[in-house]
Amino acid sequence: MAESQLRNVGLVVHGGREGALAAARDIVAWLRNRAVSTRSLPDEDVGTAEARPADAFQDGLDLVISVGGDGTLLRAARIADGARVPLLGVNVGRLGFLAEVEPAEVPGILEELLAGRTGIEERLALVATPEGASWTEPEWALNEVIVEKTARHRLITLRTEIDGEHVTTFSADGVIVATPTGSTAYSFSARGPIVAPDLACLVLTPVSPHMVFDRAMVLSPGAEVTLEVWGEEPGLLSADGRTGRELPVGARVRIRRADRPIRLVRRDRSPSFFSLVREKFWLPGEAPHGGRGPTERPGGTG
């Protein structure tokens, strides 16, 4: 990315963290001193040149910066995808898998961006298209799409097809279709596998199924998963944890790989995916970010 191409930068900020707000203000000031225009969402006042609502935020951007944690980055990823621009994740708070850059490192990375030297890592994303629902706009996700039950004491019945072939009908709390990026999120909590982010695939994981078969399936990246709501209980579709969209009995949703990947800005000497796995899940080994050792736990040793 040459200097002349970095004219407008949008910031998506975790408004509930003072550290994130302070870091975003520093980034805005740094960009302003280099004649780069900045933009924020209306409820995230960090001193940008302008504020725009979400439906007009992406227009004309050259880069999106998320300042917060992985949840903030997921919000920003949807904007970056719509704008078709790279995304830089700045981590303020707990270590995440996606937002890896510390605030102090941002000026150096932006200098590299201006000089066109920073690397870009592509990540597979998903799109979910409904049939028979009251909403018609496809849902986009970087981590996962889940169809789940609406009532705590009920189950949802989901007829599941892969590439048009009926595979099984799950009676469960829900069914997740995850990307490799999302394999360490909700899918992992439901006993799905951890997948290296550079392996193109989809992961189908049932959530607490009431049946003998309770395993996740790893599918080809070109697979299309269709989930149809059967029985008497309606469902909710949620993409990357956003507010659920209603799926009445008889509705179907087709989930497939998005037409284009999300592009993440990566710094030189980024920690490897497996070092992050080791640190996040307390696996034996050296802590790459100066954290606790493998036998320590928050609040003491054990």
Protein backbone atom coordinates (compact mmCIF):
# COMPACT_ATOMS: atom_id res chain seq x y z
CA MET A 1 0.00 0.00 0.00
CA ALA A 2 1.70 3.17 -1.17
CA GLU A 3 1.51 6.42 0.78
CA SER A 4 -0.81 8.07 -1.76
CA GLN A 5 -3.32 5.23 -1.23
CA LEU A 6 -3.73 5.73 2.52
CA ARG A 7 -6.03 8.72 2.65
CA ASN A 8 -8.99 7.68 4.80
CA VAL A 9 -8.84 5.41 7.85
CA GLY A 10 -11.83 4.20 9.87
CA LEU A 11 -11.50 3.30 13.55
CA VAL A 12 -13.78 0.86 15.38
CA VAL A 13 -13.19 1.16 19.12
CA HIS A 14 -14.22 -0.67 22.27
CA GLY A 15 -16.04 2.25 23.89
CA GLY A 16 -16.18 0.56 27.29
CA ARG A 17 -12.41 0.45 27.78
CA GLU A 18 -10.66 3.68 28.63
CA GLY A 19 -7.39 2.17 27.45
CA ALA A 20 -8.91 1.54 24.03
CA LEU A 21 -10.26 5.08 23.79
CA ALA A 22 -6.87 6.53 24.77
CA ALA A 23 -5.02 4.32 22.28
CA ALA A 24 -7.46 5.30 19.51
CA ARG A 25 -6.95 9.01 20.23
CA ASP A 26 -3.19 8.54 19.92
CA ILE A 27 -3.63 6.76 16.58
CA VAL A 28 -5.91 9.54 15.32
CA ALA A 29 -3.36 12.20 16.30
CA TRP A 30 -0.55 10.28 14.60
CA LEU A 31 -2.54 9.97 11.38
CA ARG A 32 -3.66 13.60 11.48
CA ASN A 33 0.00 14.71 11.63
CA ARG A 34 0.54 12.82 8.37
CA ALA A 35 -2.50 14.31 6.62
CA VAL A 36 -4.51 11.08 6.79
CA SER A 37 -8.22 11.64 7.39
CA THR A 38 -9.91 9.57 10.10
CA ARG A 39 -13.47 8.44 10.81
CA SER A 40 -15.27 6.87 13.77
CA LEU A 41 -18.74 5.65 14.62
CA PRO A 42 -21.00 8.27 16.27
CA ASP A 43 -20.86 6.76 19.78
CA GLU A 44 -17.08 6.30 19.78
CA ASP A 45 -15.67 9.82 20.17
CA VAL A 46 -11.90 9.58 19.75
CA GLY A 47 -11.21 12.90 18.00
CA THR A 48 -11.59 11.77 14.39
CA ALA A 49 -12.20 14.23 11.57
CA GLU A 50 -15.73 12.88 11.12
CA ALA A 51 -18.24 10.43 12.54
CA ARG A 52 -20.57 8.37 10.40
CA PRO A 53 -23.31 5.84 11.18
CA ALA A 54 -22.64 2.19 10.47
CA ASP A 55 -24.56 2.13 7.17
CA ALA A 56 -22.32 4.86 5.69
CA PHE A 57 -19.12 4.18 7.58
CA GLN A 58 -17.25 2.10 5.02
CA ASP A 59 -17.56 4.47 2.05
CA GLY A 60 -14.19 5.59 0.71
CA LEU A 61 -11.99 3.96 3.36
CA ASP A 62 -8.49 2.69 2.63
CA LEU A 63 -7.92 0.92 5.95
CA VAL A 64 -9.93 -0.11 9.03
CA ILE A 65 -8.31 -0.22 12.48
CA SER A 66 -9.99 -2.00 15.38
CA VAL A 67 -8.94 -0.96 18.87
CA GLY A 68 -10.03 -3.32 21.63
CA GLY A 69 -10.08 -7.10 21.62
CA ASP A 70 -11.21 -9.88 19.32
CA GLY A 71 -14.88 -8.90 19.73
CA THR A 72 -14.13 -5.40 18.50
CA LEU A 73 -12.15 -6.84 15.61
CA LEU A 74 -15.12 -8.99 14.57
CA ARG A 75 -17.27 -5.85 14.36
CA ALA A 76 -14.58 -4.10 12.36
CA ALA A 77 -14.06 -7.09 10.06
CA ARG A 78 -17.56 -6.78 8.67
CA ILE A 79 -16.90 -3.13 7.83
CA ALA A 80 -13.51 -3.91 6.29
CA ASP A 81 -15.08 -6.62 4.15
CA GLY A 82 -17.76 -4.23 2.91
CA ALA A 83 -15.13 -1.62 2.09
CA ARG A 84 -12.81 -4.27 0.59
CA VAL A 85 -9.84 -2.91 2.51
CA PRO A 86 -7.32 -4.42 4.97
CA LEU A 87 -7.95 -4.56 8.71
CA LEU A 88 -5.43 -3.85 11.47
CA GLY A 89 -6.29 -5.22 14.92
CA VAL A 90 -4.90 -3.36 17.94
CA ASN A 91 -5.09 -5.31 21.18
CA VAL A 92 -6.09 -3.44 24.34
CA GLY A 93 -6.85 -5.86 27.15
CA ARG A 94 -6.55 -9.63 27.19
CA LEU A 95 -4.48 -11.47 24.62
CA GLY A 96 -6.57 -12.57 21.64
CA PHE A 97 -6.11 -14.66 18.54
CA LEU A 98 -6.93 -11.84 16.13
CA ALA A 99 -6.07 -8.44 17.62
CA GLU A 100 -2.36 -8.95 18.18
CA VAL A 101 -0.73 -5.52 17.81
CA GLU A 102 -0.03 -3.56 20.99
CA PRO A 103 -0.77 0.22 20.97
CA ALA A 104 2.93 1.11 21.19
CA GLU A 105 3.61 -0.85 18.00
CA VAL A 106 1.00 0.96 15.89
CA PRO A 107 3.13 3.91 14.64
CA GLY A 108 5.79 1.56 13.30
CA ILE A 109 3.23 -0.61 11.55
CA LEU A 110 1.50 2.42 10.03
CA GLU A 111 4.88 3.66 8.80
CA GLU A 112 5.35 0.31 7.08
CA LEU A 113 1.85 0.56 5.64
CA LEU A 114 2.60 4.00 4.25
CA ALA A 115 5.75 2.59 2.67
CA GLY A 116 3.91 -0.47 1.32
CA ARG A 117 6.00 -2.97 3.28
CA THR A 118 3.52 -4.58 5.68
CA GLY A 119 2.34 -8.13 5.10
CA ILE A 120 -1.30 -9.11 4.58
CA GLU A 121 -2.80 -12.40 5.77
CA GLU A 122 -6.01 -13.64 4.18
CA ARG A 123 -8.67 -15.43 6.24
CA LEU A 124 -11.65 -17.38 4.92
CA ALA A 125 -15.06 -15.91 5.78
CA LEU A 126 -18.66 -17.18 5.56
CA VAL A 127 -21.94 -15.99 4.14
CA ALA A 128 -25.34 -17.33 5.21
CA THR A 129 -28.38 -16.89 2.96
CA PRO A 130 -31.90 -17.55 4.31
CA GLU A 131 -34.91 -19.09 2.60
CA GLY A 132 -38.38 -18.79 4.09
CA ALA A 133 -37.45 -16.21 6.74
CA SER A 134 -38.74 -12.69 7.29
CA TRP A 135 -35.27 -11.31 6.51
CA THR A 136 -33.49 -11.69 3.20
CA GLU A 137 -30.10 -9.96 3.49
CA PRO A 138 -27.23 -12.49 3.73
CA GLU A 139 -25.27 -12.59 6.99
CA TRP A 140 -21.45 -12.39 6.86
CA ALA A 141 -19.10 -13.92 9.43
CA LEU A 142 -15.38 -14.25 10.06
CA ASN A 143 -15.69 -16.69 12.98
CA GLU A 144 -18.92 -18.66 12.71
CA VAL A 145 -22.58 -18.89 11.87
CA ILE A 146 -24.79 -20.71 14.36
CA VAL A 147 -28.42 -21.78 14.18
CA GLU A 148 -29.63 -22.39 17.71
CA LYS A 149 -32.73 -22.91 19.83
CA THR A 150 -34.80 -20.00 21.11
CA ALA A 151 -35.92 -21.46 24.47
CA ARG A 152 -33.52 -22.67 27.15
CA HIS A 153 -35.51 -25.79 28.05
CA ARG A 154 -36.16 -26.84 24.43
CA LEU A 155 -34.14 -28.40 21.63
CA ILE A 156 -34.00 -27.45 17.99
CA THR A 157 -34.27 -30.00 15.18
CA LEU A 158 -32.08 -29.18 12.17
CA ARG A 159 -32.08 -31.21 8.99
CA THR A 160 -28.51 -30.93 7.72
CA GLU A 161 -27.40 -31.16 4.10
CA ILE A 162 -23.88 -30.89 2.70
CA ASP A 163 -23.72 -30.01 -0.99
CA GLY A 164 -27.37 -30.95 -1.34
CA GLU A 165 -27.03 -34.40 0.26
CA HIS A 166 -28.92 -35.12 3.48
CA VAL A 167 -26.33 -36.13 6.09
CA THR A 168 -28.33 -36.23 9.33
CA THR A 169 -30.94 -34.43 11.40
CA PHE A 170 -29.56 -32.96 14.61
CA SER A 171 -31.64 -32.66 17.77
CA ALA A 172 -29.46 -30.26 19.71
CA ASP A 173 -28.99 -26.86 21.27
CA GLY A 174 -27.73 -25.72 17.86
CA VAL A 175 -25.34 -26.31 14.99
CA ILE A 176 -22.25 -24.20 14.28
CA VAL A 177 -20.54 -23.73 10.94
CA ALA A 178 -17.14 -22.23 11.69
CA THR A 179 -14.13 -21.02 9.74
CA PRO A 180 -10.58 -21.98 10.70
CA THR A 181 -10.37 -18.57 12.40
CA GLY A 182 -13.50 -19.39 14.40
CA SER A 183 -12.36 -22.88 15.32
CA THR A 184 -10.87 -21.51 18.56
CA ALA A 185 -14.11 -19.74 19.52
CA TYR A 186 -17.62 -21.17 20.05
CA SER A 187 -16.90 -24.28 17.98
CA PHE A 188 -14.00 -25.15 20.29
CA SER A 189 -16.26 -24.76 23.33
CA ALA A 190 -18.60 -27.30 21.71
CA ARG A 191 -15.72 -29.81 21.34
CA GLY A 192 -14.83 -28.91 17.78
CA PRO A 193 -11.22 -29.19 16.53
CA ILE A 194 -8.63 -26.44 16.51
CA VAL A 195 -7.78 -25.70 12.87
CA ALA A 196 -4.71 -23.81 11.69
CA PRO A 197 -5.89 -20.53 10.11
CA ASP A 198 -4.07 -21.16 6.82
CA LEU A 199 -6.00 -24.41 6.20
CA ALA A 200 -9.00 -23.64 4.02
CA CYS A 201 -12.02 -25.58 5.30
CA LEU A 202 -15.36 -25.33 7.08
CA VAL A 203 -16.07 -26.96 10.46
CA LEU A 204 -19.58 -28.20 11.25
CA THR A 205 -20.06 -28.68 15.01
CA PRO A 206 -23.28 -29.71 16.79
CA VAL A 207 -23.89 -28.07 20.19
CA SER A 208 -24.95 -30.54 22.92
CA PRO A 209 -26.70 -32.96 20.52
CA HIS A 210 -29.19 -35.39 22.04
CA MET A 211 -28.09 -38.31 19.89
CA VAL A 212 -25.28 -40.84 19.72
CA PHE A 213 -23.40 -38.94 17.02
CA ASP A 214 -21.89 -35.85 18.60
CA ARG A 215 -18.74 -35.20 16.57
CA ALA A 216 -17.66 -32.22 14.48
CA MET A 217 -17.08 -32.59 10.74
CA VAL A 218 -14.29 -30.89 8.78
CA LEU A 219 -15.51 -30.01 5.28
CA SER A 220 -13.89 -28.82 2.09
CA PRO A 221 -13.74 -25.02 1.63
CA GLY A 222 -16.14 -25.25 -1.29
CA ALA A 223 -18.82 -27.13 0.64
CA GLU A 224 -22.27 -25.64 1.14
CA VAL A 225 -24.09 -26.49 4.37
CA THR A 226 -27.88 -26.20 4.45
CA LEU A 227 -29.68 -26.21 7.80
CA GLU A 228 -33.48 -26.54 7.76
CA VAL A 229 -35.58 -25.97 10.88
CA TRP A 230 -37.80 -29.01 11.50
CA GLY A 231 -40.12 -30.03 14.30
CA GLU A 232 -42.03 -27.50 16.39
CA GLU A 233 -39.34 -25.16 17.68
CA PRO A 234 -38.15 -22.12 15.65
CA GLY A 235 -34.50 -21.11 15.58
CA LEU A 236 -32.21 -18.12 15.69
CA LEU A 237 -29.30 -17.50 13.35
CA SER A 238 -26.38 -15.53 14.72
CA ALA A 239 -23.23 -14.55 12.82
CA ASP A 240 -20.13 -13.69 14.88
CA GLY A 241 -22.28 -13.20 17.96
CA ARG A 242 -24.47 -10.46 16.50
CA THR A 243 -28.14 -10.21 17.43
CA GLY A 244 -29.98 -13.34 16.31
CA ARG A 245 -32.23 -13.42 13.25
CA GLU A 246 -35.42 -15.47 13.50
CA LEU A 247 -35.81 -18.70 11.54
CA PRO A 248 -39.35 -20.11 11.70
CA VAL A 249 -40.08 -23.81 11.36
CA GLY A 250 -39.60 -24.73 7.70
CA ALA A 251 -36.99 -22.02 7.03
CA ARG A 252 -33.64 -22.94 5.58
CA VAL A 253 -30.25 -21.25 5.61
CA ARG A 254 -27.43 -21.95 3.17
CA ILE A 255 -23.93 -21.38 4.56
CA ARG A 256 -20.89 -21.26 2.32
CA ARG A 257 -17.50 -19.67 1.90
CA ALA A 258 -17.67 -15.94 1.16
CA ASP A 259 -16.61 -14.78 -2.28
CA ARG A 260 -13.56 -12.97 -0.90
CA PRO A 261 -11.40 -13.41 2.22
CA ILE A 262 -10.86 -10.82 4.91
CA ARG A 263 -7.36 -9.29 4.79
CA LEU A 264 -5.56 -8.81 8.11
CA VAL A 265 -2.51 -6.57 8.45
CA ARG A 266 0.31 -8.53 10.06
CA ARG A 267 3.53 -7.16 11.53
CA ASP A 268 6.93 -8.76 11.13
CA ARG A 269 7.74 -11.36 13.76
CA SER A 270 4.11 -11.87 14.73
CA PRO A 271 3.63 -14.67 17.27
CA SER A 272 2.76 -17.94 15.58
CA PHE A 273 -0.74 -19.34 15.78
CA PHE A 274 0.50 -22.26 17.85
CA SER A 275 2.26 -20.01 20.36
CA LEU A 276 -1.08 -18.24 20.84
CA VAL A 277 -2.81 -21.59 21.30
CA ARG A 278 -0.21 -22.58 23.87
CA GLU A 279 -0.65 -19.37 25.84
CA LYS A 280 -4.44 -19.08 25.61
CA PHE A 281 -5.06 -22.69 26.66
CA TRP A 282 -2.24 -23.00 29.19
CA LEU A 283 -0.36 -25.72 27.36
CA PRO A 284 3.09 -26.66 28.69
CA GLY A 285 5.81 -24.55 27.11
CA GLU A 286 7.31 -21.08 27.16
CA ALA A 287 4.89 -18.14 27.36
CA PRO A 288 5.74 -16.09 24.22
CA HIS A 289 4.25 -12.86 25.58
CA GLY A 290 5.89 -12.83 28.98
CA GLY A 291 2.88 -14.37 30.68
CA ARG A 292 2.70 -17.02 33.37
CA GLY A 293 4.45 -20.32 33.01
CA PRO A 294 2.65 -23.57 32.24
CA THR A 295 2.10 -24.50 35.90
CA GLU A 296 0.72 -21.12 36.97
CA ARG A 297 -2.90 -20.05 37.03
CA PRO A 298 -4.53 -16.67 37.60
CA GLY A 299 -4.51 -15.93 41.31
CA GLY A 300 -1.58 -18.18 42.19
CA THR A 301 0.38 -21.26 41.29
CA GLY A 302 -0.96 -24.75 41.00
